[in-house]
Amino acid sequence: MKHKASIFGMYVSPEHRGNGIARTLLEKALLQAGNLKSIEQVNLTVVTTNDSAKRLYSSIGFHSYGTEKRAIKYKGEYFDEEYMVLFL
């Protein structure tokens, strides 16, 4: 498992969205991961209905490799999560 890194819980508040902050945060995290010689891939999950986040991740090079149905339950409502990976 030492060859993998994970991005977990990335969030930009609504009033700061659309300014490239999420892209910058992600690029900086990937740069740090790339500097660690043992890291070969970065994994993340994203709620399937979060189209803007999925577009961002895809534009940086992440690829989908599966979906977990009913991965999150919040206030009685279920949400599916898409699994994505970027090979460094």
C-alpha atoms as a PDB file:
ATOM      1  CA  MET A   1       0.000   0.000   0.000  1.00  0.00           C
ATOM      2  CA  LYS A   2       3.037   2.315   0.242  1.00  0.00           C
ATOM      3  CA  HIS A   3       2.807   3.053  -3.484  1.00  0.00           C
ATOM      4  CA  LYS A   4      -0.590   4.765  -3.101  1.00  0.00           C
ATOM      5  CA  ALA A   5      -1.713   8.152  -1.830  1.00  0.00           C
ATOM      6  CA  SER A   6      -5.288   9.328  -1.337  1.00  0.00           C
ATOM      7  CA  ILE A   7      -7.013  12.676  -1.610  1.00  0.00           C
ATOM      8  CA  PHE A   8      -9.765  12.890   0.988  1.00  0.00           C
ATOM      9  CA  GLY A   9     -12.279  15.612   1.750  1.00  0.00           C
ATOM     10  CA  MET A  10     -11.293  18.394  -0.631  1.00  0.00           C
ATOM     11  CA  TYR A  11     -13.645  21.377  -0.309  1.00  0.00           C
ATOM     12  CA  VAL A  12     -13.729  25.003  -1.445  1.00  0.00           C
ATOM     13  CA  SER A  13     -16.405  27.236   0.068  1.00  0.00           C
ATOM     14  CA  PRO A  14     -19.037  28.491  -2.408  1.00  0.00           C
ATOM     15  CA  GLU A  15     -17.932  32.124  -2.217  1.00  0.00           C
ATOM     16  CA  HIS A  16     -14.430  31.161  -3.402  1.00  0.00           C
ATOM     17  CA  ARG A  17     -15.381  28.726  -6.173  1.00  0.00           C
ATOM     18  CA  GLY A  18     -14.571  29.518  -9.787  1.00  0.00           C
ATOM     19  CA  ASN A  19     -11.220  31.131  -8.964  1.00  0.00           C
ATOM     20  CA  GLY A  20      -8.983  28.111  -9.603  1.00  0.00           C
ATOM     21  CA  ILE A  21      -8.446  27.375  -5.927  1.00  0.00           C
ATOM     22  CA  ALA A  22      -9.484  23.711  -6.180  1.00  0.00           C
ATOM     23  CA  ARG A  23      -7.201  23.159  -9.189  1.00  0.00           C
ATOM     24  CA  THR A  24      -4.287  24.825  -7.389  1.00  0.00           C
ATOM     25  CA  LEU A  25      -4.832  22.762  -4.221  1.00  0.00           C
ATOM     26  CA  LEU A  26      -5.008  19.559  -6.226  1.00  0.00           C
ATOM     27  CA  GLU A  27      -1.951  20.387  -8.339  1.00  0.00           C
ATOM     28  CA  LYS A  28       0.076  21.210  -5.206  1.00  0.00           C
ATOM     29  CA  ALA A  29      -0.974  17.945  -3.559  1.00  0.00           C
ATOM     30  CA  LEU A  30      -0.041  15.989  -6.691  1.00  0.00           C
ATOM     31  CA  LEU A  31       3.315  17.753  -6.854  1.00  0.00           C
ATOM     32  CA  GLN A  32       4.002  16.728  -3.266  1.00  0.00           C
ATOM     33  CA  ALA A  33       2.955  13.145  -4.015  1.00  0.00           C
ATOM     34  CA  GLY A  34       5.212  13.100  -7.069  1.00  0.00           C
ATOM     35  CA  ASN A  35       8.157  14.236  -4.949  1.00  0.00           C
ATOM     36  CA  LEU A  36       7.758  11.126  -2.813  1.00  0.00           C
ATOM     37  CA  LYS A  37       9.526   8.495  -4.900  1.00  0.00           C
ATOM     38  CA  SER A  38       7.466   5.642  -3.452  1.00  0.00           C
ATOM     39  CA  ILE A  39       4.100   7.075  -4.594  1.00  0.00           C
ATOM     40  CA  GLU A  40       2.969   5.668  -7.943  1.00  0.00           C
ATOM     41  CA  GLN A  41      -0.715   6.543  -7.903  1.00  0.00           C
ATOM     42  CA  VAL A  42      -3.191   8.886  -6.248  1.00  0.00           C
ATOM     43  CA  ASN A  43      -6.751   7.741  -5.525  1.00  0.00           C
ATOM     44  CA  LEU A  44      -9.854   9.724  -4.659  1.00  0.00           C
ATOM     45  CA  THR A  45     -13.605   9.355  -4.536  1.00  0.00           C
ATOM     46  CA  VAL A  46     -16.244  11.834  -5.601  1.00  0.00           C
ATOM     47  CA  VAL A  47     -20.018  11.816  -5.210  1.00  0.00           C
ATOM     48  CA  THR A  48     -21.405  10.866  -8.615  1.00  0.00           C
ATOM     49  CA  THR A  49     -23.665  13.918  -8.766  1.00  0.00           C
ATOM     50  CA  ASN A  50     -20.765  16.374  -8.274  1.00  0.00           C
ATOM     51  CA  ASP A  51     -20.190  17.082 -11.960  1.00  0.00           C
ATOM     52  CA  SER A  52     -17.901  20.092 -11.458  1.00  0.00           C
ATOM     53  CA  ALA A  53     -15.511  18.109  -9.261  1.00  0.00           C
ATOM     54  CA  LYS A  54     -15.526  15.173 -11.685  1.00  0.00           C
ATOM     55  CA  ARG A  55     -14.709  17.543 -14.568  1.00  0.00           C
ATOM     56  CA  LEU A  56     -11.821  19.028 -12.579  1.00  0.00           C
ATOM     57  CA  TYR A  57     -10.388  15.630 -11.662  1.00  0.00           C
ATOM     58  CA  SER A  58     -10.723  14.360 -15.235  1.00  0.00           C
ATOM     59  CA  SER A  59      -9.065  17.493 -16.650  1.00  0.00           C
ATOM     60  CA  ILE A  60      -6.034  16.837 -14.441  1.00  0.00           C
ATOM     61  CA  GLY A  61      -5.801  13.228 -15.605  1.00  0.00           C
ATOM     62  CA  PHE A  62      -7.799  11.156 -13.116  1.00  0.00           C
ATOM     63  CA  HIS A  63      -9.705   8.210 -14.583  1.00  0.00           C
ATOM     64  CA  SER A  64     -12.790   6.499 -13.196  1.00  0.00           C
ATOM     65  CA  TYR A  65     -12.466   2.816 -12.321  1.00  0.00           C
ATOM     66  CA  GLY A  66     -15.696   2.063 -10.495  1.00  0.00           C
ATOM     67  CA  THR A  67     -18.721   3.196  -8.561  1.00  0.00           C
ATOM     68  CA  GLU A  68     -19.832   2.287  -5.068  1.00  0.00           C
ATOM     69  CA  LYS A  69     -23.600   2.388  -4.795  1.00  0.00           C
ATOM     70  CA  ARG A  70     -25.034   3.894  -1.620  1.00  0.00           C
ATOM     71  CA  ALA A  71     -21.542   4.725  -0.346  1.00  0.00           C
ATOM     72  CA  ILE A  72     -22.725   7.627   1.805  1.00  0.00           C
ATOM     73  CA  LYS A  73     -25.898   7.981   3.828  1.00  0.00           C
ATOM     74  CA  TYR A  74     -26.733  11.516   4.943  1.00  0.00           C
ATOM     75  CA  LYS A  75     -30.013  12.464   6.593  1.00  0.00           C
ATOM     76  CA  GLY A  76     -31.626   9.316   5.275  1.00  0.00           C
ATOM     77  CA  GLU A  77     -30.519   9.885   1.665  1.00  0.00           C
ATOM     78  CA  TYR A  78     -27.984   7.689  -0.116  1.00  0.00           C
ATOM     79  CA  PHE A  79     -25.228   8.930  -2.435  1.00  0.00           C
ATOM     80  CA  ASP A  80     -23.082   6.910  -4.822  1.00  0.00           C
ATOM     81  CA  GLU A  81     -19.339   7.518  -5.033  1.00  0.00           C
ATOM     82  CA  GLU A  82     -17.132   7.250  -8.101  1.00  0.00           C
ATOM     83  CA  TYR A  83     -13.607   5.903  -7.611  1.00  0.00           C
ATOM     84  CA  MET A  84     -10.889   7.699  -9.563  1.00  0.00           C
ATOM     85  CA  VAL A  85      -7.134   7.170  -9.958  1.00  0.00           C
ATOM     86  CA  LEU A  86      -4.195   9.096 -11.388  1.00  0.00           C
ATOM     87  CA  PHE A  87      -1.055   7.112 -12.148  1.00  0.00           C
ATOM     88  CA  LEU A  88       2.048   9.246 -11.663  1.00  0.00           C
END
